[in-house]
Amino acid sequence: MSAHPTRDVDGLAAQFVAATLPKDAWTHEAHLIVGLWHVERYGAVEALERLRSSIRRLNDAHGTPNSDTRGYHETITKAYLHVLDAFRARHQAATVGECVGLLLDSPLARPDLLFDYYSRERLLSVEARRAWVEPDLRPLDPL
């Protein structure tokens, strides 16, 4: 299992929330860690609201436009939040740092995971970027 001490998870989340996380540190792995931290701290519903605003704010800080082609993507955010919430529920006994390690060592950490559920055309559409769209290949449940 990867080592991800809670203090590192908390530090990454703090930089994200403050919009001080460097652009090159805003990786797929960082997205997963920050998402899991939000699920742990706020639950899925509030986490989604907070992530929406914080991702947009971080993109603004990085000079990345939140547009129809770049920046915040509603369907990807909400789909991964679903994955992270289900994963955390299965690993309730683990600390958040341990859970991050388990997640990053699992197939759920694959950057192309959502293409198991969505066609490329659907997931990368403007519609999916702007608002939630259901998967067109298979349901997200069960993961």
N, C-alpha and C. Protein backbone atom coordinates (compact mmCIF):
# COMPACT_ATOMS: atom_id res chain seq x y z
N MET A 1 0.85 -1.19 0.00
CA MET A 1 0.00 0.00 0.00
C MET A 1 0.88 1.24 0.00
N SER A 2 0.47 2.25 -0.73
CA SER A 2 1.20 3.51 -0.77
C SER A 2 1.10 4.20 0.58
N ALA A 3 2.14 4.91 0.93
CA ALA A 3 2.13 5.66 2.18
C ALA A 3 1.57 7.05 1.92
N HIS A 4 0.48 7.38 2.58
CA HIS A 4 -0.14 8.70 2.45
C HIS A 4 -0.56 9.15 3.83
N PRO A 5 0.40 9.65 4.63
CA PRO A 5 0.05 10.08 5.98
C PRO A 5 -1.05 11.14 5.96
N THR A 6 -1.88 11.12 6.97
CA THR A 6 -3.00 12.05 7.05
C THR A 6 -2.52 13.49 6.94
N ARG A 7 -1.38 13.82 7.54
CA ARG A 7 -0.92 15.21 7.48
C ARG A 7 -0.66 15.65 6.04
N ASP A 8 -0.18 14.74 5.18
CA ASP A 8 0.03 15.07 3.77
C ASP A 8 -1.31 15.27 3.07
N VAL A 9 -2.27 14.42 3.38
CA VAL A 9 -3.61 14.55 2.81
C VAL A 9 -4.21 15.88 3.25
N ASP A 10 -4.10 16.18 4.53
CA ASP A 10 -4.64 17.43 5.05
C ASP A 10 -3.93 18.64 4.44
N GLY A 11 -2.62 18.54 4.26
CA GLY A 11 -1.86 19.64 3.66
C GLY A 11 -2.25 19.89 2.22
N LEU A 12 -2.41 18.81 1.46
CA LEU A 12 -2.83 18.93 0.07
C LEU A 12 -4.23 19.56 0.01
N ALA A 13 -5.12 19.08 0.86
CA ALA A 13 -6.49 19.62 0.89
C ALA A 13 -6.48 21.09 1.28
N ALA A 14 -5.64 21.46 2.22
CA ALA A 14 -5.57 22.87 2.65
C ALA A 14 -5.08 23.76 1.51
N GLN A 15 -4.08 23.31 0.77
CA GLN A 15 -3.60 24.09 -0.38
C GLN A 15 -4.69 24.20 -1.44
N PHE A 16 -5.42 23.11 -1.66
CA PHE A 16 -6.51 23.13 -2.63
C PHE A 16 -7.57 24.14 -2.23
N VAL A 17 -8.03 24.05 -0.99
CA VAL A 17 -9.11 24.93 -0.52
C VAL A 17 -8.67 26.39 -0.56
N ALA A 18 -7.41 26.66 -0.26
CA ALA A 18 -6.90 28.03 -0.28
C ALA A 18 -6.54 28.50 -1.69
N ALA A 19 -6.67 27.61 -2.68
CA ALA A 19 -6.33 27.90 -4.07
C ALA A 19 -4.86 28.29 -4.22
N THR A 20 -4.01 27.63 -3.40
CA THR A 20 -2.56 27.86 -3.48
C THR A 20 -1.81 26.63 -3.99
N LEU A 21 -2.54 25.58 -4.32
CA LEU A 21 -1.91 24.37 -4.84
C LEU A 21 -1.30 24.69 -6.20
N PRO A 22 -0.01 24.43 -6.39
CA PRO A 22 0.61 24.73 -7.69
C PRO A 22 -0.07 23.95 -8.82
N LYS A 23 -0.10 24.55 -9.99
CA LYS A 23 -0.77 23.94 -11.14
C LYS A 23 -0.20 22.56 -11.45
N ASP A 24 1.12 22.39 -11.37
CA ASP A 24 1.72 21.09 -11.68
C ASP A 24 1.44 20.04 -10.61
N ALA A 25 0.95 20.46 -9.46
CA ALA A 25 0.58 19.51 -8.40
C ALA A 25 -0.89 19.10 -8.49
N TRP A 26 -1.66 19.73 -9.37
CA TRP A 26 -3.09 19.43 -9.51
C TRP A 26 -3.25 18.29 -10.52
N THR A 27 -2.79 17.11 -10.09
CA THR A 27 -2.76 15.90 -10.90
C THR A 27 -4.03 15.09 -10.70
N HIS A 28 -4.17 14.02 -11.46
CA HIS A 28 -5.29 13.10 -11.26
C HIS A 28 -5.27 12.55 -9.84
N GLU A 29 -4.09 12.16 -9.38
CA GLU A 29 -3.96 11.65 -8.01
C GLU A 29 -4.40 12.70 -6.99
N ALA A 30 -3.99 13.94 -7.19
CA ALA A 30 -4.40 15.02 -6.28
C ALA A 30 -5.91 15.22 -6.30
N HIS A 31 -6.52 15.13 -7.47
CA HIS A 31 -7.98 15.22 -7.56
C HIS A 31 -8.63 14.14 -6.69
N LEU A 32 -8.13 12.91 -6.79
CA LEU A 32 -8.70 11.81 -6.01
C LEU A 32 -8.52 12.03 -4.51
N ILE A 33 -7.33 12.45 -4.11
CA ILE A 33 -7.06 12.67 -2.69
C ILE A 33 -7.95 13.78 -2.14
N VAL A 34 -8.03 14.88 -2.85
CA VAL A 34 -8.85 16.01 -2.41
C VAL A 34 -10.32 15.61 -2.37
N GLY A 35 -10.77 14.87 -3.37
CA GLY A 35 -12.16 14.41 -3.37
C GLY A 35 -12.47 13.51 -2.19
N LEU A 36 -11.58 12.56 -1.92
CA LEU A 36 -11.78 11.65 -0.79
C LEU A 36 -11.77 12.41 0.53
N TRP A 37 -10.87 13.36 0.66
CA TRP A 37 -10.80 14.20 1.86
C TRP A 37 -12.12 14.94 2.07
N HIS A 38 -12.68 15.49 0.99
CA HIS A 38 -13.96 16.19 1.09
C HIS A 38 -15.10 15.25 1.49
N VAL A 39 -15.12 14.06 0.91
CA VAL A 39 -16.14 13.07 1.28
C VAL A 39 -16.03 12.74 2.77
N GLU A 40 -14.83 12.52 3.22
CA GLU A 40 -14.58 12.20 4.63
C GLU A 40 -15.05 13.32 5.55
N ARG A 41 -14.73 14.52 5.19
CA ARG A 41 -14.99 15.66 6.05
C ARG A 41 -16.43 16.15 5.99
N TYR A 42 -17.06 16.13 4.82
CA TYR A 42 -18.35 16.78 4.64
C TYR A 42 -19.49 15.88 4.19
N GLY A 43 -19.19 14.65 3.79
CA GLY A 43 -20.22 13.81 3.19
C GLY A 43 -20.38 14.18 1.73
N ALA A 44 -20.98 13.28 0.96
CA ALA A 44 -21.01 13.43 -0.50
C ALA A 44 -21.76 14.68 -0.97
N VAL A 45 -22.87 15.00 -0.37
CA VAL A 45 -23.69 16.12 -0.86
C VAL A 45 -22.97 17.45 -0.68
N GLU A 46 -22.50 17.71 0.54
CA GLU A 46 -21.79 18.97 0.78
C GLU A 46 -20.44 18.98 0.07
N ALA A 47 -19.80 17.82 -0.02
CA ALA A 47 -18.51 17.74 -0.73
C ALA A 47 -18.67 18.20 -2.17
N LEU A 48 -19.73 17.79 -2.83
CA LEU A 48 -19.94 18.20 -4.22
C LEU A 48 -20.05 19.72 -4.34
N GLU A 49 -20.82 20.32 -3.47
CA GLU A 49 -20.98 21.78 -3.51
C GLU A 49 -19.63 22.48 -3.29
N ARG A 50 -18.88 22.01 -2.33
CA ARG A 50 -17.58 22.62 -2.03
C ARG A 50 -16.59 22.40 -3.16
N LEU A 51 -16.58 21.20 -3.73
CA LEU A 51 -15.65 20.91 -4.81
C LEU A 51 -15.97 21.75 -6.04
N ARG A 52 -17.24 21.91 -6.35
CA ARG A 52 -17.61 22.75 -7.50
C ARG A 52 -16.97 24.13 -7.40
N SER A 53 -17.16 24.77 -6.26
CA SER A 53 -16.64 26.14 -6.12
C SER A 53 -15.12 26.16 -5.99
N SER A 54 -14.55 25.21 -5.27
CA SER A 54 -13.10 25.22 -5.06
C SER A 54 -12.32 24.86 -6.31
N ILE A 55 -12.83 23.94 -7.11
CA ILE A 55 -12.14 23.60 -8.36
C ILE A 55 -12.16 24.81 -9.29
N ARG A 56 -13.29 25.46 -9.39
CA ARG A 56 -13.38 26.66 -10.24
C ARG A 56 -12.42 27.75 -9.75
N ARG A 57 -12.37 27.93 -8.42
CA ARG A 57 -11.49 28.96 -7.85
C ARG A 57 -10.02 28.62 -8.10
N LEU A 58 -9.66 27.34 -7.96
CA LEU A 58 -8.28 26.93 -8.23
C LEU A 58 -7.95 27.11 -9.70
N ASN A 59 -8.88 26.74 -10.57
CA ASN A 59 -8.65 26.97 -12.01
C ASN A 59 -8.42 28.45 -12.30
N ASP A 60 -9.21 29.30 -11.68
CA ASP A 60 -9.03 30.74 -11.86
C ASP A 60 -7.63 31.17 -11.41
N ALA A 61 -7.19 30.63 -10.26
CA ALA A 61 -5.86 30.97 -9.74
C ALA A 61 -4.76 30.50 -10.69
N HIS A 62 -5.01 29.41 -11.39
CA HIS A 62 -4.04 28.86 -12.34
C HIS A 62 -4.14 29.50 -13.72
N GLY A 63 -5.14 30.35 -13.92
CA GLY A 63 -5.34 30.95 -15.24
C GLY A 63 -5.99 29.98 -16.22
N THR A 64 -6.64 28.95 -15.70
CA THR A 64 -7.34 27.97 -16.53
C THR A 64 -8.81 28.39 -16.63
N PRO A 65 -9.29 28.70 -17.81
CA PRO A 65 -10.69 29.13 -17.92
C PRO A 65 -11.65 27.98 -17.61
N ASN A 66 -12.73 28.30 -16.94
CA ASN A 66 -13.82 27.35 -16.73
C ASN A 66 -14.81 27.60 -17.87
N SER A 67 -14.64 26.83 -18.94
CA SER A 67 -15.38 27.09 -20.18
C SER A 67 -15.99 25.78 -20.70
N ASP A 68 -16.49 25.84 -21.90
CA ASP A 68 -17.07 24.65 -22.52
C ASP A 68 -16.02 23.65 -22.97
N THR A 69 -14.76 24.02 -22.90
CA THR A 69 -13.69 23.11 -23.36
C THR A 69 -12.60 22.87 -22.32
N ARG A 70 -12.56 23.66 -21.27
CA ARG A 70 -11.51 23.52 -20.26
C ARG A 70 -12.06 23.80 -18.88
N GLY A 71 -11.29 23.42 -17.87
CA GLY A 71 -11.65 23.75 -16.50
C GLY A 71 -12.66 22.78 -15.91
N TYR A 72 -13.52 23.31 -15.05
CA TYR A 72 -14.45 22.48 -14.29
C TYR A 72 -15.35 21.63 -15.20
N HIS A 73 -15.55 20.37 -14.77
CA HIS A 73 -16.39 19.42 -15.53
C HIS A 73 -17.35 18.76 -14.54
N GLU A 74 -18.63 19.11 -14.64
CA GLU A 74 -19.64 18.63 -13.68
C GLU A 74 -19.76 17.12 -13.66
N THR A 75 -19.87 16.46 -14.79
CA THR A 75 -20.10 15.02 -14.79
C THR A 75 -18.91 14.26 -14.25
N ILE A 76 -17.71 14.65 -14.63
CA ILE A 76 -16.53 13.97 -14.09
C ILE A 76 -16.45 14.16 -12.58
N THR A 77 -16.68 15.36 -12.11
CA THR A 77 -16.62 15.63 -10.67
C THR A 77 -17.65 14.80 -9.92
N LYS A 78 -18.88 14.82 -10.39
CA LYS A 78 -19.95 14.11 -9.69
C LYS A 78 -19.78 12.60 -9.78
N ALA A 79 -19.33 12.08 -10.92
CA ALA A 79 -19.12 10.64 -11.06
C ALA A 79 -18.00 10.16 -10.15
N TYR A 80 -16.89 10.88 -10.12
CA TYR A 80 -15.80 10.49 -9.22
C TYR A 80 -16.22 10.63 -7.76
N LEU A 81 -17.01 11.63 -7.44
CA LEU A 81 -17.49 11.76 -6.07
C LEU A 81 -18.31 10.54 -5.67
N HIS A 82 -19.11 10.04 -6.59
CA HIS A 82 -19.88 8.82 -6.35
C HIS A 82 -18.93 7.64 -6.07
N VAL A 83 -17.90 7.51 -6.89
CA VAL A 83 -16.90 6.45 -6.71
C VAL A 83 -16.22 6.59 -5.36
N LEU A 84 -15.80 7.79 -5.02
CA LEU A 84 -15.08 8.03 -3.77
C LEU A 84 -15.95 7.79 -2.55
N ASP A 85 -17.21 8.20 -2.62
CA ASP A 85 -18.13 7.98 -1.51
C ASP A 85 -18.36 6.48 -1.29
N ALA A 86 -18.55 5.73 -2.35
CA ALA A 86 -18.75 4.28 -2.23
C ALA A 86 -17.49 3.61 -1.71
N PHE A 87 -16.32 4.04 -2.18
CA PHE A 87 -15.06 3.47 -1.72
C PHE A 87 -14.86 3.73 -0.23
N ARG A 88 -15.12 4.96 0.19
CA ARG A 88 -14.95 5.30 1.61
C ARG A 88 -15.90 4.48 2.48
N ALA A 89 -17.12 4.27 2.01
CA ALA A 89 -18.09 3.48 2.77
C ALA A 89 -17.61 2.04 2.95
N ARG A 90 -16.91 1.51 1.97
CA ARG A 90 -16.38 0.14 2.07
C ARG A 90 -15.16 0.06 2.97
N HIS A 91 -14.54 1.19 3.28
CA HIS A 91 -13.31 1.21 4.07
C HIS A 91 -13.46 2.14 5.27
N GLN A 92 -14.58 2.02 5.97
CA GLN A 92 -14.89 2.90 7.09
C GLN A 92 -13.90 2.79 8.23
N ALA A 93 -13.32 1.61 8.43
CA ALA A 93 -12.41 1.42 9.56
C ALA A 93 -11.04 2.05 9.32
N ALA A 94 -10.71 2.34 8.08
CA ALA A 94 -9.41 2.92 7.76
C ALA A 94 -9.41 4.42 8.05
N THR A 95 -8.25 4.93 8.41
CA THR A 95 -8.11 6.39 8.51
C THR A 95 -8.19 6.96 7.10
N VAL A 96 -8.36 8.26 7.00
CA VAL A 96 -8.42 8.87 5.67
C VAL A 96 -7.09 8.66 4.93
N GLY A 97 -5.98 8.74 5.64
CA GLY A 97 -4.68 8.50 5.02
C GLY A 97 -4.54 7.08 4.51
N GLU A 98 -4.99 6.11 5.31
CA GLU A 98 -4.96 4.71 4.87
C GLU A 98 -5.89 4.49 3.69
N CYS A 99 -7.05 5.12 3.74
CA CYS A 99 -8.03 4.99 2.66
C CYS A 99 -7.48 5.56 1.35
N VAL A 100 -6.76 6.66 1.44
CA VAL A 100 -6.12 7.24 0.25
C VAL A 100 -5.15 6.23 -0.34
N GLY A 101 -4.33 5.61 0.51
CA GLY A 101 -3.39 4.61 0.03
C GLY A 101 -4.08 3.45 -0.65
N LEU A 102 -5.15 2.96 -0.05
CA LEU A 102 -5.92 1.86 -0.64
C LEU A 102 -6.52 2.28 -1.98
N LEU A 103 -7.06 3.48 -2.03
CA LEU A 103 -7.66 3.99 -3.27
C LEU A 103 -6.62 4.09 -4.39
N LEU A 104 -5.50 4.72 -4.09
CA LEU A 104 -4.49 4.94 -5.12
C LEU A 104 -3.85 3.64 -5.60
N ASP A 105 -3.92 2.60 -4.79
CA ASP A 105 -3.41 1.29 -5.19
C ASP A 105 -4.47 0.43 -5.86
N SER A 106 -5.68 0.96 -6.00
CA SER A 106 -6.79 0.18 -6.57
C SER A 106 -7.02 0.54 -8.04
N PRO A 107 -7.74 -0.32 -8.75
CA PRO A 107 -8.09 -0.01 -10.15
C PRO A 107 -8.97 1.24 -10.28
N LEU A 108 -9.60 1.67 -9.21
CA LEU A 108 -10.45 2.87 -9.26
C LEU A 108 -9.63 4.14 -9.46
N ALA A 109 -8.33 4.06 -9.28
CA ALA A 109 -7.47 5.24 -9.46
C ALA A 109 -7.03 5.43 -10.92
N ARG A 110 -7.43 4.51 -11.79
CA ARG A 110 -7.06 4.65 -13.21
C ARG A 110 -7.60 5.95 -13.78
N PRO A 111 -6.77 6.72 -14.47
CA PRO A 111 -7.26 7.97 -15.07
C PRO A 111 -8.37 7.78 -16.09
N ASP A 112 -8.46 6.61 -16.69
CA ASP A 112 -9.49 6.37 -17.71
C ASP A 112 -10.70 5.61 -17.16
N LEU A 113 -10.83 5.52 -15.85
CA LEU A 113 -11.90 4.75 -15.21
C LEU A 113 -13.29 5.09 -15.76
N LEU A 114 -13.59 6.35 -15.92
CA LEU A 114 -14.96 6.73 -16.31
C LEU A 114 -15.32 6.28 -17.72
N PHE A 115 -14.31 5.97 -18.54
CA PHE A 115 -14.61 5.45 -19.88
C PHE A 115 -15.11 4.01 -19.84
N ASP A 116 -15.09 3.37 -18.68
CA ASP A 116 -15.76 2.08 -18.50
C ASP A 116 -17.28 2.27 -18.47
N TYR A 117 -17.71 3.49 -18.17
CA TYR A 117 -19.13 3.79 -17.97
C TYR A 117 -19.70 4.75 -19.03
N TYR A 118 -18.83 5.56 -19.58
CA TYR A 118 -19.23 6.57 -20.55
C TYR A 118 -18.48 6.39 -21.87
N SER A 119 -19.16 6.62 -22.97
CA SER A 119 -18.45 6.72 -24.24
C SER A 119 -17.65 8.02 -24.20
N ARG A 120 -16.58 8.06 -24.94
CA ARG A 120 -15.74 9.25 -25.00
C ARG A 120 -16.57 10.46 -25.45
N GLU A 121 -17.40 10.26 -26.45
CA GLU A 121 -18.21 11.37 -26.98
C GLU A 121 -19.14 11.95 -25.91
N ARG A 122 -19.76 11.08 -25.15
CA ARG A 122 -20.70 11.56 -24.12
C ARG A 122 -19.98 12.26 -22.98
N LEU A 123 -18.93 11.62 -22.46
CA LEU A 123 -18.24 12.20 -21.30
C LEU A 123 -17.54 13.51 -21.65
N LEU A 124 -17.01 13.61 -22.84
CA LEU A 124 -16.26 14.81 -23.21
C LEU A 124 -17.12 15.87 -23.90
N SER A 125 -18.43 15.68 -23.85
CA SER A 125 -19.35 16.64 -24.48
C SER A 125 -19.48 17.91 -23.63
N VAL A 126 -19.88 18.98 -24.29
CA VAL A 126 -20.15 20.24 -23.59
C VAL A 126 -21.27 20.03 -22.59
N GLU A 127 -22.28 19.27 -22.98
CA GLU A 127 -23.41 18.98 -22.08
C GLU A 127 -22.92 18.36 -20.77
N ALA A 128 -22.01 17.38 -20.86
CA ALA A 128 -21.49 16.71 -19.66
C ALA A 128 -20.61 17.64 -18.84
N ARG A 129 -19.93 18.53 -19.49
CA ARG A 129 -19.09 19.50 -18.76
C ARG A 129 -19.96 20.46 -17.96
N ARG A 130 -21.07 20.87 -18.54
CA ARG A 130 -21.94 21.87 -17.91
C ARG A 130 -22.85 21.29 -16.83
N ALA A 131 -23.34 20.06 -17.03
CA ALA A 131 -24.33 19.48 -16.12
C ALA A 131 -24.16 17.96 -16.07
N TRP A 132 -24.72 17.35 -15.06
CA TRP A 132 -24.64 15.90 -14.89
C TRP A 132 -25.33 15.19 -16.06
N VAL A 133 -24.65 14.20 -16.63
CA VAL A 133 -25.27 13.31 -17.60
C VAL A 133 -25.03 11.87 -17.13
N GLU A 134 -26.02 11.05 -17.34
CA GLU A 134 -25.94 9.65 -16.95
C GLU A 134 -24.98 8.90 -17.87
N PRO A 135 -24.34 7.86 -17.34
CA PRO A 135 -23.48 7.03 -18.19
C PRO A 135 -24.28 6.38 -19.31
N ASP A 136 -23.63 6.18 -20.46
CA ASP A 136 -24.32 5.56 -21.59
C ASP A 136 -23.83 4.14 -21.88
N LEU A 137 -22.78 3.67 -21.20
CA LEU A 137 -22.30 2.31 -21.43
C LEU A 137 -22.79 1.33 -20.37
N ARG A 138 -22.76 1.76 -19.13
CA ARG A 138 -23.28 0.96 -18.02
C ARG A 138 -23.42 1.86 -16.79
N PRO A 139 -24.30 1.49 -15.89
CA PRO A 139 -24.52 2.35 -14.71
C PRO A 139 -23.28 2.39 -13.81
N LEU A 140 -23.13 3.48 -13.09
CA LEU A 140 -22.05 3.58 -12.12
C LEU A 140 -22.24 2.59 -10.97
N ASP A 141 -23.45 2.17 -10.71
CA ASP A 141 -23.71 1.18 -9.65
C ASP A 141 -23.80 -0.19 -10.24
N PRO A 142 -23.28 -1.19 -9.62
CA PRO A 142 -22.37 -1.10 -8.47
C PRO A 142 -20.93 -0.91 -8.93
N LEU A 143 -20.16 -0.26 -8.09
CA LEU A 143 -18.74 -0.08 -8.40
C LEU A 143 -17.94 -1.09 -7.61
